[in-house]
Amino acid sequence: HLERWKVPADRIIELDWEESAEVAGVRLIATAAQHFS
């Protein structure tokens, strides 16, 4: 979606559950939810 909306690729971080990314010294961890999309 973001690519179609012209968000630069180097500004997109995609994560699966229990994957993480560190930004500005803070770790962002994607965790489970029960929903739909």
PDB file of all heavy atoms in Angstrom:
ATOM      1  N   HIS A   1       0.843  -1.201   0.000  1.00  0.00           N
ATOM      2  CA  HIS A   1       0.000   0.000   0.000  1.00  0.00           C
ATOM      3  C   HIS A   1       0.878   1.250   0.000  1.00  0.00           C
ATOM      4  O   HIS A   1       0.657   2.186  -0.783  1.00  0.00           O
ATOM      5  CB  HIS A   1      -0.889   0.029   1.244  1.00  0.00           C
ATOM      6  CG  HIS A   1      -1.847  -1.109   1.373  1.00  0.00           C
ATOM      7  ND1 HIS A   1      -2.423  -1.754   0.301  1.00  0.00           N
ATOM      8  CD2 HIS A   1      -2.360  -1.718   2.482  1.00  0.00           C
ATOM      9  CE1 HIS A   1      -3.244  -2.693   0.738  1.00  0.00           C
ATOM     10  NE2 HIS A   1      -3.219  -2.691   2.056  1.00  0.00           N
ATOM     11  N   LEU A   2       1.861   1.269   0.891  1.00  0.00           N
ATOM     12  CA  LEU A   2       2.702   2.456   1.034  1.00  0.00           C
ATOM     13  C   LEU A   2       3.495   2.736  -0.238  1.00  0.00           C
ATOM     14  O   LEU A   2       3.662   3.899  -0.628  1.00  0.00           O
ATOM     15  CB  LEU A   2       3.641   2.290   2.221  1.00  0.00           C
ATOM     16  CG  LEU A   2       2.978   2.094   3.597  1.00  0.00           C
ATOM     17  CD1 LEU A   2       4.041   2.040   4.677  1.00  0.00           C
ATOM     18  CD2 LEU A   2       1.960   3.187   3.895  1.00  0.00           C
ATOM     19  N   GLU A   3       3.992   1.700  -0.879  1.00  0.00           N
ATOM     20  CA  GLU A   3       4.719   1.896  -2.138  1.00  0.00           C
ATOM     21  C   GLU A   3       3.824   2.544  -3.189  1.00  0.00           C
ATOM     22  O   GLU A   3       4.262   3.442  -3.922  1.00  0.00           O
ATOM     23  CB  GLU A   3       5.262   0.563  -2.646  1.00  0.00           C
ATOM     24  CG  GLU A   3       6.540   0.123  -1.975  1.00  0.00           C
ATOM     25  CD  GLU A   3       7.186  -1.058  -2.682  1.00  0.00           C
ATOM     26  OE1 GLU A   3       6.461  -1.818  -3.371  1.00  0.00           O
ATOM     27  OE2 GLU A   3       8.404  -1.216  -2.552  1.00  0.00           O
ATOM     28  N   ARG A   4       2.561   2.093  -3.265  1.00  0.00           N
ATOM     29  CA  ARG A   4       1.649   2.690  -4.232  1.00  0.00           C
ATOM     30  C   ARG A   4       1.404   4.165  -3.914  1.00  0.00           C
ATOM     31  O   ARG A   4       1.130   4.970  -4.812  1.00  0.00           O
ATOM     32  CB  ARG A   4       0.319   1.934  -4.264  1.00  0.00           C
ATOM     33  CG  ARG A   4      -0.605   2.439  -5.375  1.00  0.00           C
ATOM     34  CD  ARG A   4      -1.875   1.640  -5.525  1.00  0.00           C
ATOM     35  NE  ARG A   4      -2.587   2.080  -6.718  1.00  0.00           N
ATOM     36  CZ  ARG A   4      -3.822   1.689  -7.053  1.00  0.00           C
ATOM     37  NH1 ARG A   4      -4.467   0.840  -6.281  1.00  0.00           N
ATOM     38  NH2 ARG A   4      -4.384   2.132  -8.152  1.00  0.00           N
ATOM     39  N   TRP A   5       1.514   4.516  -2.639  1.00  0.00           N
ATOM     40  CA  TRP A   5       1.273   5.887  -2.214  1.00  0.00           C
ATOM     41  C   TRP A   5       2.559   6.729  -2.228  1.00  0.00           C
ATOM     42  O   TRP A   5       2.603   7.800  -1.635  1.00  0.00           O
ATOM     43  CB  TRP A   5       0.665   5.895  -0.818  1.00  0.00           C
ATOM     44  CG  TRP A   5      -0.646   5.156  -0.745  1.00  0.00           C
ATOM     45  CD1 TRP A   5      -1.435   4.743  -1.786  1.00  0.00           C
ATOM     46  CD2 TRP A   5      -1.310   4.722   0.447  1.00  0.00           C
ATOM     47  NE1 TRP A   5      -2.546   4.091  -1.322  1.00  0.00           N
ATOM     48  CE2 TRP A   5      -2.504   4.058   0.044  1.00  0.00           C
ATOM     49  CE3 TRP A   5      -1.040   4.827   1.806  1.00  0.00           C
ATOM     50  CZ2 TRP A   5      -3.398   3.513   0.963  1.00  0.00           C
ATOM     51  CZ3 TRP A   5      -1.919   4.283   2.723  1.00  0.00           C
ATOM     52  CH2 TRP A   5      -3.093   3.641   2.306  1.00  0.00           C
ATOM     53  N   LYS A   6       3.594   6.217  -2.878  1.00  0.00           N
ATOM     54  CA  LYS A   6       4.845   6.952  -3.094  1.00  0.00           C
ATOM     55  C   LYS A   6       5.676   7.140  -1.823  1.00  0.00           C
ATOM     56  O   LYS A   6       6.463   8.082  -1.711  1.00  0.00           O
ATOM     57  CB  LYS A   6       4.581   8.322  -3.724  1.00  0.00           C
ATOM     58  CG  LYS A   6       3.704   8.288  -4.979  1.00  0.00           C
ATOM     59  CD  LYS A   6       4.281   7.408  -6.064  1.00  0.00           C
ATOM     60  CE  LYS A   6       3.409   7.427  -7.320  1.00  0.00           C
ATOM     61  NZ  LYS A   6       3.897   6.469  -8.358  1.00  0.00           N
ATOM     62  N   VAL A   7       5.522   6.241  -0.855  1.00  0.00           N
ATOM     63  CA  VAL A   7       6.430   6.249   0.285  1.00  0.00           C
ATOM     64  C   VAL A   7       7.748   5.626  -0.176  1.00  0.00           C
ATOM     65  O   VAL A   7       7.748   4.530  -0.746  1.00  0.00           O
ATOM     66  CB  VAL A   7       5.861   5.444   1.467  1.00  0.00           C
ATOM     67  CG1 VAL A   7       6.854   5.420   2.627  1.00  0.00           C
ATOM     68  CG2 VAL A   7       4.519   6.030   1.922  1.00  0.00           C
ATOM     69  N   PRO A   8       8.887   6.299   0.024  1.00  0.00           N
ATOM     70  CA  PRO A   8      10.165   5.735  -0.422  1.00  0.00           C
ATOM     71  C   PRO A   8      10.419   4.365   0.211  1.00  0.00           C
ATOM     72  O   PRO A   8      10.110   4.150   1.391  1.00  0.00           O
ATOM     73  CB  PRO A   8      11.187   6.768   0.062  1.00  0.00           C
ATOM     74  CG  PRO A   8      10.417   8.046   0.178  1.00  0.00           C
ATOM     75  CD  PRO A   8       9.038   7.647   0.607  1.00  0.00           C
ATOM     76  N   ALA A   9      10.965   3.455  -0.577  1.00  0.00           N
ATOM     77  CA  ALA A   9      11.191   2.089  -0.107  1.00  0.00           C
ATOM     78  C   ALA A   9      12.078   2.057   1.130  1.00  0.00           C
ATOM     79  O   ALA A   9      11.905   1.197   2.013  1.00  0.00           O
ATOM     80  CB  ALA A   9      11.811   1.250  -1.226  1.00  0.00           C
ATOM     81  N   ASP A  10      13.037   2.999   1.224  1.00  0.00           N
ATOM     82  CA  ASP A  10      13.935   2.983   2.380  1.00  0.00           C
ATOM     83  C   ASP A  10      13.270   3.529   3.644  1.00  0.00           C
ATOM     84  O   ASP A  10      13.890   3.563   4.709  1.00  0.00           O
ATOM     85  CB  ASP A  10      15.229   3.748   2.085  1.00  0.00           C
ATOM     86  CG  ASP A  10      15.001   5.222   1.755  1.00  0.00           C
ATOM     87  OD1 ASP A  10      13.836   5.672   1.770  1.00  0.00           O
ATOM     88  OD2 ASP A  10      15.996   5.913   1.481  1.00  0.00           O
ATOM     89  N   ARG A  11      12.007   3.940   3.522  1.00  0.00           N
ATOM     90  CA  ARG A  11      11.256   4.368   4.710  1.00  0.00           C
ATOM     91  C   ARG A  11      10.188   3.357   5.103  1.00  0.00           C
ATOM     92  O   ARG A  11       9.322   3.650   5.932  1.00  0.00           O
ATOM     93  CB  ARG A  11      10.608   5.743   4.476  1.00  0.00           C
ATOM     94  CG  ARG A  11      11.593   6.896   4.451  1.00  0.00           C
ATOM     95  CD  ARG A  11      10.894   8.240   4.307  1.00  0.00           C
ATOM     96  NE  ARG A  11       9.980   8.523   5.423  1.00  0.00           N
ATOM     97  CZ  ARG A  11       9.243   9.625   5.524  1.00  0.00           C
ATOM     98  NH1 ARG A  11       9.315  10.552   4.555  1.00  0.00           N
ATOM     99  NH2 ARG A  11       8.443   9.833   6.553  1.00  0.00           N
ATOM    100  N   ILE A  12      10.240   2.152   4.539  1.00  0.00           N
ATOM    101  CA  ILE A  12       9.249   1.118   4.841  1.00  0.00           C
ATOM    102  C   ILE A  12       9.947  -0.071   5.498  1.00  0.00           C
ATOM    103  O   ILE A  12      10.875  -0.651   4.930  1.00  0.00           O
ATOM    104  CB  ILE A  12       8.517   0.649   3.572  1.00  0.00           C
ATOM    105  CG1 ILE A  12       7.820   1.827   2.890  1.00  0.00           C
ATOM    106  CG2 ILE A  12       7.503  -0.442   3.925  1.00  0.00           C
ATOM    107  CD1 ILE A  12       7.244   1.471   1.522  1.00  0.00           C
ATOM    108  N   ILE A  13       9.495  -0.430   6.699  1.00  0.00           N
ATOM    109  CA  ILE A  13       9.980  -1.618   7.411  1.00  0.00           C
ATOM    110  C   ILE A  13       8.782  -2.517   7.660  1.00  0.00           C
ATOM    111  O   ILE A  13       7.848  -2.138   8.381  1.00  0.00           O
ATOM    112  CB  ILE A  13      10.647  -1.236   8.747  1.00  0.00           C
ATOM    113  CG1 ILE A  13      11.835  -0.297   8.517  1.00  0.00           C
ATOM    114  CG2 ILE A  13      11.090  -2.488   9.502  1.00  0.00           C
ATOM    115  CD1 ILE A  13      12.423   0.274   9.806  1.00  0.00           C
ATOM    116  N   GLU A  14       8.788  -3.710   7.059  1.00  0.00           N
ATOM    117  CA  GLU A  14       7.688  -4.659   7.223  1.00  0.00           C
ATOM    118  C   GLU A  14       8.109  -5.777   8.180  1.00  0.00           C
ATOM    119  O   GLU A  14       9.196  -6.329   8.050  1.00  0.00           O
ATOM    120  CB  GLU A  14       7.305  -5.280   5.882  1.00  0.00           C
ATOM    121  CG  GLU A  14       6.461  -4.391   4.998  1.00  0.00           C
ATOM    122  CD  GLU A  14       5.962  -5.150   3.769  1.00  0.00           C
ATOM    123  OE1 GLU A  14       6.799  -5.614   2.992  1.00  0.00           O
ATOM    124  OE2 GLU A  14       4.740  -5.256   3.606  1.00  0.00           O
ATOM    125  N   LEU A  15       7.208  -6.129   9.106  1.00  0.00           N
ATOM    126  CA  LEU A  15       7.531  -7.142  10.106  1.00  0.00           C
ATOM    127  C   LEU A  15       6.422  -8.179  10.229  1.00  0.00           C
ATOM    128  O   LEU A  15       5.239  -7.870  10.100  1.00  0.00           O
ATOM    129  CB  LEU A  15       7.748  -6.489  11.479  1.00  0.00           C
ATOM    130  CG  LEU A  15       8.883  -5.462  11.592  1.00  0.00           C
ATOM    131  CD1 LEU A  15       8.908  -4.863  12.988  1.00  0.00           C
ATOM    132  CD2 LEU A  15      10.223  -6.078  11.242  1.00  0.00           C
ATOM    133  N   ASP A  16       6.847  -9.396  10.505  1.00  0.00           N
ATOM    134  CA  ASP A  16       5.943 -10.487  10.877  1.00  0.00           C
ATOM    135  C   ASP A  16       5.866 -10.535  12.400  1.00  0.00           C
ATOM    136  O   ASP A  16       6.642  -9.878  13.099  1.00  0.00           O
ATOM    137  CB  ASP A  16       6.480 -11.812  10.320  1.00  0.00           C
ATOM    138  CG  ASP A  16       5.414 -12.883  10.206  1.00  0.00           C
ATOM    139  OD1 ASP A  16       4.297 -12.694  10.740  1.00  0.00           O
ATOM    140  OD2 ASP A  16       5.699 -13.927   9.592  1.00  0.00           O
ATOM    141  N   TRP A  17       4.937 -11.324  12.932  1.00  0.00           N
ATOM    142  CA  TRP A  17       4.846 -11.467  14.380  1.00  0.00           C
ATOM    143  C   TRP A  17       6.164 -11.955  14.963  1.00  0.00           C
ATOM    144  O   TRP A  17       6.797 -12.882  14.430  1.00  0.00           O
ATOM    145  CB  TRP A  17       3.731 -12.440  14.737  1.00  0.00           C
ATOM    146  CG  TRP A  17       2.353 -11.904  14.457  1.00  0.00           C
ATOM    147  CD1 TRP A  17       2.013 -10.618  14.146  1.00  0.00           C
ATOM    148  CD2 TRP A  17       1.133 -12.651  14.456  1.00  0.00           C
ATOM    149  NE1 TRP A  17       0.655 -10.510  13.947  1.00  0.00           N
ATOM    150  CE2 TRP A  17       0.091 -11.733  14.132  1.00  0.00           C
ATOM    151  CE3 TRP A  17       0.820 -13.985  14.683  1.00  0.00           C
ATOM    152  CZ2 TRP A  17      -1.243 -12.140  14.052  1.00  0.00           C
ATOM    153  CZ3 TRP A  17      -0.508 -14.389  14.602  1.00  0.00           C
ATOM    154  CH2 TRP A  17      -1.529 -13.468  14.285  1.00  0.00           C
ATOM    155  N   GLU A  18       6.561 -11.336  16.036  1.00  0.00           N
ATOM    156  CA  GLU A  18       7.792 -11.600  16.790  1.00  0.00           C
ATOM    157  C   GLU A  18       9.056 -11.165  16.055  1.00  0.00           C
ATOM    158  O   GLU A  18      10.157 -11.463  16.505  1.00  0.00           O
ATOM    159  CB  GLU A  18       7.892 -13.073  17.217  1.00  0.00           C
ATOM    160  CG  GLU A  18       6.815 -13.494  18.191  1.00  0.00           C
ATOM    161  CD  GLU A  18       6.788 -12.639  19.472  1.00  0.00           C
ATOM    162  OE1 GLU A  18       7.866 -12.218  19.932  1.00  0.00           O
ATOM    163  OE2 GLU A  18       5.675 -12.409  20.004  1.00  0.00           O
ATOM    164  N   GLU A  19       8.917 -10.442  14.958  1.00  0.00           N
ATOM    165  CA  GLU A  19      10.060  -9.766  14.365  1.00  0.00           C
ATOM    166  C   GLU A  19      10.137  -8.351  14.934  1.00  0.00           C
ATOM    167  O   GLU A  19       9.151  -7.816  15.437  1.00  0.00           O
ATOM    168  CB  GLU A  19       9.945  -9.718  12.843  1.00  0.00           C
ATOM    169  CG  GLU A  19      10.068 -11.078  12.187  1.00  0.00           C
ATOM    170  CD  GLU A  19      10.015 -11.017  10.667  1.00  0.00           C
ATOM    171  OE1 GLU A  19       9.540  -9.991  10.126  1.00  0.00           O
ATOM    172  OE2 GLU A  19      10.427 -11.994  10.027  1.00  0.00           O
ATOM    173  N   SER A  20      11.303  -7.737  14.859  1.00  0.00           N
ATOM    174  CA  SER A  20      11.474  -6.428  15.478  1.00  0.00           C
ATOM    175  C   SER A  20      12.390  -5.542  14.656  1.00  0.00           C
ATOM    176  O   SER A  20      13.139  -6.014  13.791  1.00  0.00           O
ATOM    177  CB  SER A  20      12.031  -6.579  16.896  1.00  0.00           C
ATOM    178  OG  SER A  20      13.352  -7.109  16.873  1.00  0.00           O
ATOM    179  N   ALA A  21      12.312  -4.261  14.953  1.00  0.00           N
ATOM    180  CA  ALA A  21      13.195  -3.271  14.343  1.00  0.00           C
ATOM    181  C   ALA A  21      13.597  -2.295  15.432  1.00  0.00           C
ATOM    182  O   ALA A  21      12.796  -1.966  16.318  1.00  0.00           O
ATOM    183  CB  ALA A  21      12.483  -2.536  13.209  1.00  0.00           C
ATOM    184  N   GLU A  22      14.836  -1.817  15.369  1.00  0.00           N
ATOM    185  CA  GLU A  22      15.308  -0.834  16.337  1.00  0.00           C
ATOM    186  C   GLU A  22      15.369   0.532  15.666  1.00  0.00           C
ATOM    187  O   GLU A  22      15.985   0.687  14.610  1.00  0.00           O
ATOM    188  CB  GLU A  22      16.670  -1.216  16.902  1.00  0.00           C
ATOM    189  CG  GLU A  22      17.123  -0.278  18.018  1.00  0.00           C
ATOM    190  CD  GLU A  22      18.297  -0.804  18.811  1.00  0.00           C
ATOM    191  OE1 GLU A  22      18.425  -2.042  18.938  1.00  0.00           O
ATOM    192  OE2 GLU A  22      19.088   0.022  19.296  1.00  0.00           O
ATOM    193  N   VAL A  23      14.736   1.503  16.305  1.00  0.00           N
ATOM    194  CA  VAL A  23      14.688   2.871  15.799  1.00  0.00           C
ATOM    195  C   VAL A  23      14.960   3.811  16.964  1.00  0.00           C
ATOM    196  O   VAL A  23      14.270   3.743  17.993  1.00  0.00           O
ATOM    197  CB  VAL A  23      13.325   3.191  15.166  1.00  0.00           C
ATOM    198  CG1 VAL A  23      13.292   4.618  14.665  1.00  0.00           C
ATOM    199  CG2 VAL A  23      13.002   2.224  14.035  1.00  0.00           C
ATOM    200  N   ALA A  24      15.972   4.662  16.822  1.00  0.00           N
ATOM    201  CA  ALA A  24      16.285   5.667  17.843  1.00  0.00           C
ATOM    202  C   ALA A  24      16.459   5.058  19.229  1.00  0.00           C
ATOM    203  O   ALA A  24      16.022   5.625  20.234  1.00  0.00           O
ATOM    204  CB  ALA A  24      15.208   6.754  17.866  1.00  0.00           C
ATOM    205  N   GLY A  25      17.067   3.880  19.292  1.00  0.00           N
ATOM    206  CA  GLY A  25      17.326   3.229  20.567  1.00  0.00           C
ATOM    207  C   GLY A  25      16.142   2.511  21.174  1.00  0.00           C
ATOM    208  O   GLY A  25      16.232   1.986  22.289  1.00  0.00           O
ATOM    209  N   VAL A  26      15.026   2.449  20.455  1.00  0.00           N
ATOM    210  CA  VAL A  26      13.818   1.770  20.926  1.00  0.00           C
ATOM    211  C   VAL A  26      13.527   0.585  20.020  1.00  0.00           C
ATOM    212  O   VAL A  26      13.614   0.697  18.794  1.00  0.00           O
ATOM    213  CB  VAL A  26      12.620   2.743  20.939  1.00  0.00           C
ATOM    214  CG1 VAL A  26      11.325   2.001  21.212  1.00  0.00           C
ATOM    215  CG2 VAL A  26      12.835   3.837  21.977  1.00  0.00           C
ATOM    216  N   ARG A  27      13.207  -0.554  20.623  1.00  0.00           N
ATOM    217  CA  ARG A  27      12.884  -1.736  19.830  1.00  0.00           C
ATOM    218  C   ARG A  27      11.373  -1.843  19.664  1.00  0.00           C
ATOM    219  O   ARG A  27      10.619  -1.816  20.641  1.00  0.00           O
ATOM    220  CB  ARG A  27      13.432  -3.002  20.487  1.00  0.00           C
ATOM    221  CG  ARG A  27      13.234  -4.260  19.633  1.00  0.00           C
ATOM    222  CD  ARG A  27      14.232  -5.332  19.980  1.00  0.00           C
ATOM    223  NE  ARG A  27      15.581  -4.921  19.627  1.00  0.00           N
ATOM    224  CZ  ARG A  27      16.120  -5.004  18.415  1.00  0.00           C
ATOM    225  NH1 ARG A  27      15.397  -5.474  17.404  1.00  0.00           N
ATOM    226  NH2 ARG A  27      17.351  -4.614  18.207  1.00  0.00           N
ATOM    227  N   LEU A  28      10.933  -1.950  18.400  1.00  0.00           N
ATOM    228  CA  LEU A  28       9.531  -2.120  18.053  1.00  0.00           C
ATOM    229  C   LEU A  28       9.308  -3.567  17.648  1.00  0.00           C
ATOM    230  O   LEU A  28       9.900  -4.046  16.672  1.00  0.00           O
ATOM    231  CB  LEU A  28       9.156  -1.187  16.898  1.00  0.00           C
ATOM    232  CG  LEU A  28       9.400   0.305  17.164  1.00  0.00           C
ATOM    233  CD1 LEU A  28       9.305   1.100  15.868  1.00  0.00           C
ATOM    234  CD2 LEU A  28       8.412   0.836  18.189  1.00  0.00           C
ATOM    235  N   ILE A  29       8.497  -4.276  18.417  1.00  0.00           N
ATOM    236  CA  ILE A  29       8.289  -5.704  18.205  1.00  0.00           C
ATOM    237  C   ILE A  29       6.842  -5.937  17.777  1.00  0.00           C
ATOM    238  O   ILE A  29       5.902  -5.549  18.484  1.00  0.00           O
ATOM    239  CB  ILE A  29       8.584  -6.509  19.485  1.00  0.00           C
ATOM    240  CG1 ILE A  29       9.969  -6.163  20.028  1.00  0.00           C
ATOM    241  CG2 ILE A  29       8.465  -8.012  19.217  1.00  0.00           C
ATOM    242  CD1 ILE A  29      10.227  -6.687  21.438  1.00  0.00           C
ATOM    243  N   ALA A  30       6.662  -6.550  16.612  1.00  0.00           N
ATOM    244  CA  ALA A  30       5.322  -6.906  16.144  1.00  0.00           C
ATOM    245  C   ALA A  30       4.880  -8.173  16.871  1.00  0.00           C
ATOM    246  O   ALA A  30       5.577  -9.181  16.852  1.00  0.00           O
ATOM    247  CB  ALA A  30       5.334  -7.140  14.637  1.00  0.00           C
ATOM    248  N   THR A  31       3.734  -8.103  17.522  1.00  0.00           N
ATOM    249  CA  THR A  31       3.220  -9.248  18.267  1.00  0.00           C
ATOM    250  C   THR A  31       1.813  -9.597  17.786  1.00  0.00           C
ATOM    251  O   THR A  31       1.187  -8.860  17.027  1.00  0.00           O
ATOM    252  CB  THR A  31       3.221  -8.946  19.780  1.00  0.00           C
ATOM    253  OG1 THR A  31       2.706  -7.623  20.014  1.00  0.00           O
ATOM    254  CG2 THR A  31       4.627  -9.037  20.348  1.00  0.00           C
ATOM    255  N   ALA A  32       1.323 -10.721  18.232  1.00  0.00           N
ATOM    256  CA  ALA A  32       0.081 -11.273  17.706  1.00  0.00           C
ATOM    257  C   ALA A  32      -1.129 -10.427  18.090  1.00  0.00           C
ATOM    258  O   ALA A  32      -1.149  -9.732  19.108  1.00  0.00           O
ATOM    259  CB  ALA A  32      -0.106 -12.703  18.210  1.00  0.00           C
ATOM    260  N   ALA A  33      -2.152 -10.499  17.265  1.00  0.00           N
ATOM    261  CA  ALA A  33      -3.474  -9.932  17.540  1.00  0.00           C
ATOM    262  C   ALA A  33      -4.492 -10.871  16.909  1.00  0.00           C
ATOM    263  O   ALA A  33      -4.136 -11.756  16.112  1.00  0.00           O
ATOM    264  CB  ALA A  33      -3.594  -8.525  16.970  1.00  0.00           C
ATOM    265  N   GLN A  34      -5.754 -10.701  17.260  1.00  0.00           N
ATOM    266  CA  GLN A  34      -6.829 -11.518  16.672  1.00  0.00           C
ATOM    267  C   GLN A  34      -7.796 -10.584  15.950  1.00  0.00           C
ATOM    268  O   GLN A  34      -8.648  -9.947  16.550  1.00  0.00           O
ATOM    269  CB  GLN A  34      -7.556 -12.294  17.768  1.00  0.00           C
ATOM    270  CG  GLN A  34      -8.640 -13.213  17.220  1.00  0.00           C
ATOM    271  CD  GLN A  34      -9.225 -14.077  18.312  1.00  0.00           C
ATOM    272  OE1 GLN A  34      -8.622 -15.058  18.711  1.00  0.00           O
ATOM    273  NE2 GLN A  34     -10.398 -13.696  18.801  1.00  0.00           N
ATOM    274  N   HIS A  35      -7.619 -10.508  14.632  1.00  0.00           N
ATOM    275  CA  HIS A  35      -8.394  -9.531  13.874  1.00  0.00           C
ATOM    276  C   HIS A  35      -8.491  -9.978  12.423  1.00  0.00           C
ATOM    277  O   HIS A  35      -8.450 -11.191  12.124  1.00  0.00           O
ATOM    278  CB  HIS A  35      -7.728  -8.157  14.003  1.00  0.00           C
ATOM    279  CG  HIS A  35      -8.640  -7.005  13.682  1.00  0.00           C
ATOM    280  ND1 HIS A  35      -9.855  -6.819  14.293  1.00  0.00           N
ATOM    281  CD2 HIS A  35      -8.491  -5.964  12.817  1.00  0.00           C
ATOM    282  CE1 HIS A  35     -10.426  -5.723  13.825  1.00  0.00           C
ATOM    283  NE2 HIS A  35      -9.624  -5.179  12.927  1.00  0.00           N
ATOM    284  N   PHE A  36      -8.555  -9.054  11.493  1.00  0.00           N
ATOM    285  CA  PHE A  36      -8.572  -9.339  10.058  1.00  0.00           C
ATOM    286  C   PHE A  36      -8.122  -8.079   9.343  1.00  0.00           C
ATOM    287  O   PHE A  36      -7.867  -7.046   9.969  1.00  0.00           O
ATOM    288  CB  PHE A  36      -9.953  -9.813   9.585  1.00  0.00           C
ATOM    289  CG  PHE A  36     -11.016  -8.744   9.611  1.00  0.00           C
ATOM    290  CD1 PHE A  36     -11.491  -8.176   8.434  1.00  0.00           C
ATOM    291  CD2 PHE A  36     -11.568  -8.311  10.820  1.00  0.00           C
ATOM    292  CE1 PHE A  36     -12.477  -7.194   8.460  1.00  0.00           C
ATOM    293  CE2 PHE A  36     -12.561  -7.333  10.851  1.00  0.00           C
ATOM    294  CZ  PHE A  36     -13.009  -6.774   9.663  1.00  0.00           C
ATOM    295  N   SER A  37      -8.008  -8.125   8.020  1.00  0.00           N
ATOM    296  CA  SER A  37      -7.523  -6.963   7.273  1.00  0.00           C
ATOM    297  C   SER A  37      -8.244  -6.857   5.947  1.00  0.00           C
ATOM    298  O   SER A  37      -8.961  -7.769   5.531  1.00  0.00           O
ATOM    299  CB  SER A  37      -6.007  -7.069   7.053  1.00  0.00           C
ATOM    300  OG  SER A  37      -5.715  -8.166   6.193  1.00  0.00           O
TER     301      SER A  37
END
